[in-house]
Amino acid sequence: MSTALITGATAGIGHEYAVQLAARGDDLVLVARDAARLEEVAADLRRTHQVEVEVLVADLVDREQLALVEARLADRDRPVDLLVNNAGFGLKQRFLDNSADDETAMLEVLVTAVLRLSHAALGAMAERGHGGIINVSSVAAFLPRGSYSAAKAWVNSFSEWAHMEYKPRGVQVMALCPGFTKTEFHERMEVTRGEGFMWLDVDFLVRTSLADFAKGRAYSIPGMQYKAIRVLTTAIPNRVLRLTQSMGRR
């Protein structure tokens, strides 16, 4: 029986990971800030899939609360086989229109939490000789779109390095790079969620990422449209790509 720990597990991509992993029989450790919603999601998954579901209430911006999740990942007596670093948020305004505190809080979740939780998980997994990490990044990592893109570029670079470094020790690390996805993410940013071929269904996104992870890939970029964008970013100058800044912020 495998156990997966998922951050940001009550909504969007994180919730879909919880559903699909529970459906295949994995026990879960769900991490989020909203205790009531966590318990509601956990109860539904237990009832529907007959798996064990543990909840950890934690705000990953708070180092003391983050440390609780690190300790759970490092617990040798209750091993976690898969870590999904999914928690995150974006800021609607451009860099100078946000406060430095807001920008720092975003960095704490997108970068610091990923680093610290990966450090805790990798130590235990490498010692056991098996395990895996999926870091939810973004196609924005390949585009010059401010601090969010910069943070996700760090996630990509870190994940690719960890993939090469720890694969010989039995640990699989992969970066998932979603494009626009039909979740609550944009609603929380107070921007309009779109429709059309550029918008991915979250079940397809997670299902594809799990298939890519099983194949041992360093990156998962679901959707042919986003695979094409990735290729184009290698050929188009950054000064042109910078024109994409306003996409997804209206």
C-alpha atoms as a PDB file:
ATOM      1  CA  MET A   1       0.000   0.000   0.000  1.00  0.00           C
ATOM      2  CA  SER A   2       1.421   3.407  -1.051  1.00  0.00           C
ATOM      3  CA  THR A   3       0.940   6.710   0.753  1.00  0.00           C
ATOM      4  CA  ALA A   4       0.879  10.070  -1.036  1.00  0.00           C
ATOM      5  CA  LEU A   5       1.164  13.489   0.610  1.00  0.00           C
ATOM      6  CA  ILE A   6      -0.450  16.323  -1.343  1.00  0.00           C
ATOM      7  CA  THR A   7      -0.204  20.029  -0.528  1.00  0.00           C
ATOM      8  CA  GLY A   8      -3.034  22.334  -1.538  1.00  0.00           C
ATOM      9  CA  ALA A   9      -5.260  19.269  -1.561  1.00  0.00           C
ATOM     10  CA  THR A  10      -8.734  20.752  -1.117  1.00  0.00           C
ATOM     11  CA  ALA A  11      -9.211  22.338  -4.537  1.00  0.00           C
ATOM     12  CA  GLY A  12      -8.127  22.311  -8.153  1.00  0.00           C
ATOM     13  CA  ILE A  13      -5.152  20.219  -9.241  1.00  0.00           C
ATOM     14  CA  GLY A  14      -4.339  19.099  -5.699  1.00  0.00           C
ATOM     15  CA  HIS A  15      -7.859  17.816  -5.110  1.00  0.00           C
ATOM     16  CA  GLU A  16      -7.835  15.973  -8.423  1.00  0.00           C
ATOM     17  CA  TYR A  17      -4.566  14.289  -7.450  1.00  0.00           C
ATOM     18  CA  ALA A  18      -6.228  13.197  -4.217  1.00  0.00           C
ATOM     19  CA  VAL A  19      -9.204  11.759  -6.104  1.00  0.00           C
ATOM     20  CA  GLN A  20      -7.160   9.889  -8.704  1.00  0.00           C
ATOM     21  CA  LEU A  21      -4.591   8.551  -6.239  1.00  0.00           C
ATOM     22  CA  ALA A  22      -7.314   7.400  -3.854  1.00  0.00           C
ATOM     23  CA  ALA A  23      -9.128   5.733  -6.762  1.00  0.00           C
ATOM     24  CA  ARG A  24      -6.066   3.609  -7.462  1.00  0.00           C
ATOM     25  CA  GLY A  25      -5.846   2.646  -3.773  1.00  0.00           C
ATOM     26  CA  ASP A  26      -3.247   4.999  -2.337  1.00  0.00           C
ATOM     27  CA  ASP A  27      -3.586   6.171   1.254  1.00  0.00           C
ATOM     28  CA  LEU A  28      -3.358   9.950   1.557  1.00  0.00           C
ATOM     29  CA  VAL A  29      -1.987  12.736   3.705  1.00  0.00           C
ATOM     30  CA  LEU A  30      -3.775  15.943   2.731  1.00  0.00           C
ATOM     31  CA  VAL A  31      -2.304  19.363   3.527  1.00  0.00           C
ATOM     32  CA  ALA A  32      -4.150  22.693   3.312  1.00  0.00           C
ATOM     33  CA  ARG A  33      -5.014  25.773   5.401  1.00  0.00           C
ATOM     34  CA  ASP A  34      -8.774  25.285   5.671  1.00  0.00           C
ATOM     35  CA  ALA A  35      -9.430  22.701   8.404  1.00  0.00           C
ATOM     36  CA  ALA A  36     -13.162  22.355   7.723  1.00  0.00           C
ATOM     37  CA  ARG A  37     -12.699  21.849   4.004  1.00  0.00           C
ATOM     38  CA  LEU A  38      -9.850  19.397   4.625  1.00  0.00           C
ATOM     39  CA  GLU A  39     -12.066  17.259   6.844  1.00  0.00           C
ATOM     40  CA  GLU A  40     -14.884  17.389   4.299  1.00  0.00           C
ATOM     41  CA  VAL A  41     -12.616  16.268   1.452  1.00  0.00           C
ATOM     42  CA  ALA A  42     -11.012  13.565   3.608  1.00  0.00           C
ATOM     43  CA  ALA A  43     -14.387  12.163   4.671  1.00  0.00           C
ATOM     44  CA  ASP A  44     -15.584  12.004   1.071  1.00  0.00           C
ATOM     45  CA  LEU A  45     -12.438  10.194  -0.086  1.00  0.00           C
ATOM     46  CA  ARG A  46     -12.605   7.698   2.781  1.00  0.00           C
ATOM     47  CA  ARG A  47     -16.248   6.970   2.025  1.00  0.00           C
ATOM     48  CA  THR A  48     -15.842   6.725  -1.742  1.00  0.00           C
ATOM     49  CA  HIS A  49     -12.545   4.851  -2.026  1.00  0.00           C
ATOM     50  CA  GLN A  50     -12.081   3.097   1.345  1.00  0.00           C
ATOM     51  CA  VAL A  51      -8.561   4.445   1.842  1.00  0.00           C
ATOM     52  CA  GLU A  52      -6.856   5.920   4.875  1.00  0.00           C
ATOM     53  CA  VAL A  53      -6.809   9.717   4.780  1.00  0.00           C
ATOM     54  CA  GLU A  54      -4.800  11.801   7.245  1.00  0.00           C
ATOM     55  CA  VAL A  55      -5.163  15.592   7.380  1.00  0.00           C
ATOM     56  CA  LEU A  56      -2.546  18.181   8.226  1.00  0.00           C
ATOM     57  CA  VAL A  57      -3.726  21.764   8.639  1.00  0.00           C
ATOM     58  CA  ALA A  58      -0.841  24.038   7.686  1.00  0.00           C
ATOM     59  CA  ASP A  59      -0.209  27.414   6.110  1.00  0.00           C
ATOM     60  CA  LEU A  60       3.019  26.882   4.183  1.00  0.00           C
ATOM     61  CA  VAL A  61       3.987  30.541   4.531  1.00  0.00           C
ATOM     62  CA  ASP A  62       4.359  29.954   8.279  1.00  0.00           C
ATOM     63  CA  ARG A  63       7.691  28.190   8.962  1.00  0.00           C
ATOM     64  CA  GLU A  64       6.429  26.527  12.148  1.00  0.00           C
ATOM     65  CA  GLN A  65       3.438  25.073  10.327  1.00  0.00           C
ATOM     66  CA  LEU A  66       5.596  24.127   7.354  1.00  0.00           C
ATOM     67  CA  ALA A  67       7.889  22.270   9.766  1.00  0.00           C
ATOM     68  CA  LEU A  68       4.971  20.017  10.755  1.00  0.00           C
ATOM     69  CA  VAL A  69       4.664  18.855   7.155  1.00  0.00           C
ATOM     70  CA  GLU A  70       8.438  18.410   6.882  1.00  0.00           C
ATOM     71  CA  ALA A  71       8.385  16.223   9.988  1.00  0.00           C
ATOM     72  CA  ARG A  72       5.603  14.075   8.540  1.00  0.00           C
ATOM     73  CA  LEU A  73       7.592  13.527   5.349  1.00  0.00           C
ATOM     74  CA  ALA A  74      10.735  12.670   7.291  1.00  0.00           C
ATOM     75  CA  ASP A  75       8.966  10.159   9.568  1.00  0.00           C
ATOM     76  CA  ARG A  76      10.704   6.821   8.909  1.00  0.00           C
ATOM     77  CA  ASP A  77       7.993   4.888  10.759  1.00  0.00           C
ATOM     78  CA  ARG A  78       5.191   6.208   8.528  1.00  0.00           C
ATOM     79  CA  PRO A  79       6.794   6.455   5.088  1.00  0.00           C
ATOM     80  CA  VAL A  80       5.408   8.701   2.364  1.00  0.00           C
ATOM     81  CA  ASP A  81       5.933   7.163  -1.071  1.00  0.00           C
ATOM     82  CA  LEU A  82       4.854  10.125  -3.197  1.00  0.00           C
ATOM     83  CA  LEU A  83       5.006  13.854  -2.457  1.00  0.00           C
ATOM     84  CA  VAL A  84       2.935  16.163  -4.642  1.00  0.00           C
ATOM     85  CA  ASN A  85       4.116  19.745  -4.125  1.00  0.00           C
ATOM     86  CA  ASN A  86       1.008  21.417  -5.491  1.00  0.00           C
ATOM     87  CA  ALA A  87       0.169  24.313  -3.136  1.00  0.00           C
ATOM     88  CA  GLY A  88       0.471  27.704  -4.727  1.00  0.00           C
ATOM     89  CA  PHE A  89      -1.193  30.922  -5.773  1.00  0.00           C
ATOM     90  CA  GLY A  90      -0.664  33.776  -8.182  1.00  0.00           C
ATOM     91  CA  LEU A  91      -0.930  37.554  -7.918  1.00  0.00           C
ATOM     92  CA  LYS A  92      -3.144  39.448 -10.336  1.00  0.00           C
ATOM     93  CA  GLN A  93      -1.174  42.679 -10.396  1.00  0.00           C
ATOM     94  CA  ARG A  94       2.241  43.296 -11.866  1.00  0.00           C
ATOM     95  CA  PHE A  95       5.310  43.265  -9.652  1.00  0.00           C
ATOM     96  CA  LEU A  96       5.380  46.897  -8.481  1.00  0.00           C
ATOM     97  CA  ASP A  97       1.608  46.924  -7.971  1.00  0.00           C
ATOM     98  CA  ASN A  98       1.930  44.199  -5.338  1.00  0.00           C
ATOM     99  CA  SER A  99       3.425  44.733  -1.909  1.00  0.00           C
ATOM    100  CA  ALA A 100       6.826  43.221  -1.189  1.00  0.00           C
ATOM    101  CA  ASP A 101       5.149  41.163   1.546  1.00  0.00           C
ATOM    102  CA  ASP A 102       2.660  39.664  -0.932  1.00  0.00           C
ATOM    103  CA  GLU A 103       5.461  38.858  -3.364  1.00  0.00           C
ATOM    104  CA  THR A 104       7.492  37.270  -0.577  1.00  0.00           C
ATOM    105  CA  ALA A 105       4.544  35.175   0.609  1.00  0.00           C
ATOM    106  CA  MET A 106       4.101  33.839  -2.920  1.00  0.00           C
ATOM    107  CA  LEU A 107       7.806  33.003  -3.087  1.00  0.00           C
ATOM    108  CA  GLU A 108       7.598  31.203   0.267  1.00  0.00           C
ATOM    109  CA  VAL A 109       4.889  28.882  -1.075  1.00  0.00           C
ATOM    110  CA  LEU A 110       6.167  28.400  -4.636  1.00  0.00           C
ATOM    111  CA  VAL A 111       9.880  28.040  -3.838  1.00  0.00           C
ATOM    112  CA  THR A 112      10.741  27.755  -0.143  1.00  0.00           C
ATOM    113  CA  ALA A 113       8.039  25.212   0.667  1.00  0.00           C
ATOM    114  CA  VAL A 114       8.959  23.127  -2.387  1.00  0.00           C
ATOM    115  CA  LEU A 115      12.613  23.168  -1.362  1.00  0.00           C
ATOM    116  CA  ARG A 116      12.042  22.304   2.287  1.00  0.00           C
ATOM    117  CA  LEU A 117       9.413  19.631   1.693  1.00  0.00           C
ATOM    118  CA  SER A 118      11.515  18.069  -1.057  1.00  0.00           C
ATOM    119  CA  HIS A 119      14.528  18.068   1.251  1.00  0.00           C
ATOM    120  CA  ALA A 120      12.568  16.231   3.939  1.00  0.00           C
ATOM    121  CA  ALA A 121      11.053  13.744   1.492  1.00  0.00           C
ATOM    122  CA  LEU A 122      14.251  13.062  -0.451  1.00  0.00           C
ATOM    123  CA  GLY A 123      16.178  12.254   2.706  1.00  0.00           C
ATOM    124  CA  ALA A 124      13.737   9.524   3.709  1.00  0.00           C
ATOM    125  CA  MET A 125      13.132   8.258   0.174  1.00  0.00           C
ATOM    126  CA  ALA A 126      16.791   8.026  -0.815  1.00  0.00           C
ATOM    127  CA  GLU A 127      17.490   6.175   2.419  1.00  0.00           C
ATOM    128  CA  ARG A 128      14.752   3.628   1.610  1.00  0.00           C
ATOM    129  CA  GLY A 129      15.754   3.420  -2.045  1.00  0.00           C
ATOM    130  CA  HIS A 130      12.350   4.292  -3.491  1.00  0.00           C
ATOM    131  CA  GLY A 131       9.833   7.117  -3.692  1.00  0.00           C
ATOM    132  CA  GLY A 132       8.761   9.976  -5.873  1.00  0.00           C
ATOM    133  CA  ILE A 133       8.052  13.704  -6.024  1.00  0.00           C
ATOM    134  CA  ILE A 134       5.829  15.602  -8.440  1.00  0.00           C
ATOM    135  CA  ASN A 135       6.417  19.350  -8.324  1.00  0.00           C
ATOM    136  CA  VAL A 136       3.553  21.289  -9.876  1.00  0.00           C
ATOM    137  CA  SER A 137       5.200  24.008 -11.933  1.00  0.00           C
ATOM    138  CA  SER A 138       3.720  25.866 -14.913  1.00  0.00           C
ATOM    139  CA  VAL A 139       4.153  26.512 -18.616  1.00  0.00           C
ATOM    140  CA  ALA A 140       4.683  30.091 -17.399  1.00  0.00           C
ATOM    141  CA  ALA A 141       8.141  28.927 -16.329  1.00  0.00           C
ATOM    142  CA  PHE A 142       9.187  29.061 -19.985  1.00  0.00           C
ATOM    143  CA  LEU A 143       7.926  32.647 -20.422  1.00  0.00           C
ATOM    144  CA  PRO A 144       9.096  36.006 -19.016  1.00  0.00           C
ATOM    145  CA  ARG A 145       6.003  36.749 -16.909  1.00  0.00           C
ATOM    146  CA  GLY A 146       7.332  38.309 -13.701  1.00  0.00           C
ATOM    147  CA  SER A 147       8.051  36.785 -10.324  1.00  0.00           C
ATOM    148  CA  TYR A 148       5.533  33.946 -10.707  1.00  0.00           C
ATOM    149  CA  SER A 149       7.290  32.709 -13.842  1.00  0.00           C
ATOM    150  CA  ALA A 150      10.670  33.170 -12.182  1.00  0.00           C
ATOM    151  CA  ALA A 151       9.565  31.048  -9.231  1.00  0.00           C
ATOM    152  CA  LYS A 152       8.245  28.329 -11.519  1.00  0.00           C
ATOM    153  CA  ALA A 153      11.474  28.426 -13.555  1.00  0.00           C
ATOM    154  CA  TRP A 154      13.254  27.653 -10.280  1.00  0.00           C
ATOM    155  CA  VAL A 155      10.882  24.714  -9.707  1.00  0.00           C
ATOM    156  CA  ASN A 156      11.690  23.374 -13.182  1.00  0.00           C
ATOM    157  CA  SER A 157      15.435  23.723 -12.739  1.00  0.00           C
ATOM    158  CA  PHE A 158      15.378  22.186  -9.270  1.00  0.00           C
ATOM    159  CA  SER A 159      13.152  19.301 -10.375  1.00  0.00           C
ATOM    160  CA  GLU A 160      15.264  18.491 -13.420  1.00  0.00           C
ATOM    161  CA  TRP A 161      18.415  18.451 -11.297  1.00  0.00           C
ATOM    162  CA  ALA A 162      16.780  16.284  -8.609  1.00  0.00           C
ATOM    163  CA  HIS A 163      15.479  13.930 -11.305  1.00  0.00           C
ATOM    164  CA  MET A 164      19.037  13.271 -12.465  1.00  0.00           C
ATOM    165  CA  GLU A 165      20.598  13.318  -8.996  1.00  0.00           C
ATOM    166  CA  TYR A 166      18.264  10.913  -7.210  1.00  0.00           C
ATOM    167  CA  LYS A 167      17.057   8.579  -9.966  1.00  0.00           C
ATOM    168  CA  PRO A 168      20.079   6.293  -9.392  1.00  0.00           C
ATOM    169  CA  ARG A 169      18.965   6.070  -5.745  1.00  0.00           C
ATOM    170  CA  GLY A 170      15.473   4.939  -6.649  1.00  0.00           C
ATOM    171  CA  VAL A 171      13.656   8.281  -6.366  1.00  0.00           C
ATOM    172  CA  GLN A 172      11.693   9.710  -9.297  1.00  0.00           C
ATOM    173  CA  VAL A 173      11.284  13.510  -9.484  1.00  0.00           C
ATOM    174  CA  MET A 174       9.158  15.212 -12.128  1.00  0.00           C
ATOM    175  CA  ALA A 175       7.985  18.755 -12.869  1.00  0.00           C
ATOM    176  CA  LEU A 176       4.390  19.076 -14.078  1.00  0.00           C
ATOM    177  CA  CYS A 177       3.940  22.173 -16.248  1.00  0.00           C
ATOM    178  CA  PRO A 178       0.230  22.926 -16.683  1.00  0.00           C
ATOM    179  CA  GLY A 179      -1.141  25.531 -19.003  1.00  0.00           C
ATOM    180  CA  PHE A 180      -4.483  27.206 -18.331  1.00  0.00           C
ATOM    181  CA  THR A 181      -6.577  24.684 -16.389  1.00  0.00           C
ATOM    182  CA  LYS A 182     -10.228  24.736 -15.353  1.00  0.00           C
ATOM    183  CA  THR A 183      -9.833  25.053 -11.574  1.00  0.00           C
ATOM    184  CA  GLU A 184     -10.400  27.652  -8.847  1.00  0.00           C
ATOM    185  CA  PHE A 185      -6.896  29.080  -9.336  1.00  0.00           C
ATOM    186  CA  HIS A 186      -7.969  32.019 -11.493  1.00  0.00           C
ATOM    187  CA  GLU A 187     -11.059  32.688  -9.401  1.00  0.00           C
ATOM    188  CA  ARG A 188      -8.865  33.073  -6.304  1.00  0.00           C
ATOM    189  CA  MET A 189      -6.797  35.593  -8.283  1.00  0.00           C
ATOM    190  CA  GLU A 190     -10.057  37.403  -9.112  1.00  0.00           C
ATOM    191  CA  VAL A 191      -9.534  37.046 -12.842  1.00  0.00           C
ATOM    192  CA  THR A 192     -11.854  35.563 -15.444  1.00  0.00           C
ATOM    193  CA  ARG A 193     -11.466  31.895 -16.239  1.00  0.00           C
ATOM    194  CA  GLY A 194     -11.616  31.295 -19.964  1.00  0.00           C
ATOM    195  CA  GLU A 195     -12.908  28.540 -22.202  1.00  0.00           C
ATOM    196  CA  GLY A 196     -11.783  27.048 -25.482  1.00  0.00           C
ATOM    197  CA  PHE A 197      -8.954  24.822 -26.631  1.00  0.00           C
ATOM    198  CA  MET A 198      -6.319  26.522 -24.455  1.00  0.00           C
ATOM    199  CA  TRP A 199      -8.117  25.480 -21.265  1.00  0.00           C
ATOM    200  CA  LEU A 200      -7.408  21.971 -20.004  1.00  0.00           C
ATOM    201  CA  ASP A 201      -9.731  19.768 -17.954  1.00  0.00           C
ATOM    202  CA  VAL A 202      -8.122  19.024 -14.615  1.00  0.00           C
ATOM    203  CA  ASP A 203      -8.842  15.283 -14.769  1.00  0.00           C
ATOM    204  CA  PHE A 204      -6.982  15.042 -18.103  1.00  0.00           C
ATOM    205  CA  LEU A 205      -4.104  17.081 -16.692  1.00  0.00           C
ATOM    206  CA  VAL A 206      -3.591  14.884 -13.633  1.00  0.00           C
ATOM    207  CA  ARG A 207      -4.172  11.622 -15.483  1.00  0.00           C
ATOM    208  CA  THR A 208      -1.562  12.588 -18.090  1.00  0.00           C
ATOM    209  CA  SER A 209       0.934  13.656 -15.437  1.00  0.00           C
ATOM    210  CA  LEU A 210       0.610  10.364 -13.562  1.00  0.00           C
ATOM    211  CA  ALA A 211       1.160   8.452 -16.804  1.00  0.00           C
ATOM    212  CA  ASP A 212       4.264  10.551 -17.550  1.00  0.00           C
ATOM    213  CA  PHE A 213       5.504  10.011 -14.010  1.00  0.00           C
ATOM    214  CA  ALA A 214       5.099   6.241 -14.383  1.00  0.00           C
ATOM    215  CA  LYS A 215       7.219   6.456 -17.555  1.00  0.00           C
ATOM    216  CA  GLY A 216      10.028   8.102 -15.596  1.00  0.00           C
ATOM    217  CA  ARG A 217       9.898  11.461 -17.340  1.00  0.00           C
ATOM    218  CA  ALA A 218      11.534  14.564 -15.914  1.00  0.00           C
ATOM    219  CA  TYR A 219       8.780  16.820 -17.294  1.00  0.00           C
ATOM    220  CA  SER A 220       5.079  16.469 -17.976  1.00  0.00           C
ATOM    221  CA  ILE A 221       3.493  19.079 -20.264  1.00  0.00           C
ATOM    222  CA  PRO A 222      -0.095  17.903 -20.893  1.00  0.00           C
ATOM    223  CA  GLY A 223      -1.804  19.060 -24.074  1.00  0.00           C
ATOM    224  CA  MET A 224      -0.350  19.318 -27.570  1.00  0.00           C
ATOM    225  CA  GLN A 225      -1.000  23.055 -27.567  1.00  0.00           C
ATOM    226  CA  TYR A 226       1.309  23.521 -24.592  1.00  0.00           C
ATOM    227  CA  LYS A 227       3.950  21.173 -25.956  1.00  0.00           C
ATOM    228  CA  ALA A 228       3.942  23.408 -29.048  1.00  0.00           C
ATOM    229  CA  ILE A 229       4.269  26.542 -26.915  1.00  0.00           C
ATOM    230  CA  ARG A 230       7.257  25.008 -25.147  1.00  0.00           C
ATOM    231  CA  VAL A 231       8.959  24.429 -28.506  1.00  0.00           C
ATOM    232  CA  LEU A 232       8.144  27.956 -29.685  1.00  0.00           C
ATOM    233  CA  THR A 233       9.654  29.528 -26.557  1.00  0.00           C
ATOM    234  CA  THR A 234      13.050  28.197 -27.604  1.00  0.00           C
ATOM    235  CA  ALA A 235      12.826  30.069 -30.921  1.00  0.00           C
ATOM    236  CA  ILE A 236      11.010  33.331 -30.105  1.00  0.00           C
ATOM    237  CA  PRO A 237      13.028  36.162 -28.494  1.00  0.00           C
ATOM    238  CA  ASN A 238      12.156  37.074 -24.898  1.00  0.00           C
ATOM    239  CA  ARG A 239      11.286  40.629 -25.893  1.00  0.00           C
ATOM    240  CA  VAL A 240       8.427  39.178 -27.944  1.00  0.00           C
ATOM    241  CA  LEU A 241       7.435  36.572 -25.354  1.00  0.00           C
ATOM    242  CA  ARG A 242       7.151  39.382 -22.795  1.00  0.00           C
ATOM    243  CA  LEU A 243       3.953  40.439 -24.567  1.00  0.00           C
ATOM    244  CA  THR A 244       2.224  37.432 -22.967  1.00  0.00           C
ATOM    245  CA  GLN A 245       2.398  39.054 -19.516  1.00  0.00           C
ATOM    246  CA  SER A 246      -1.245  40.106 -19.438  1.00  0.00           C
ATOM    247  CA  MET A 247      -2.641  36.703 -20.447  1.00  0.00           C
ATOM    248  CA  GLY A 248      -4.679  35.129 -17.634  1.00  0.00           C
ATOM    249  CA  ARG A 249      -4.773  38.325 -15.557  1.00  0.00           C
ATOM    250  CA  ARG A 250      -7.913  40.055 -16.789  1.00  0.00           C
END
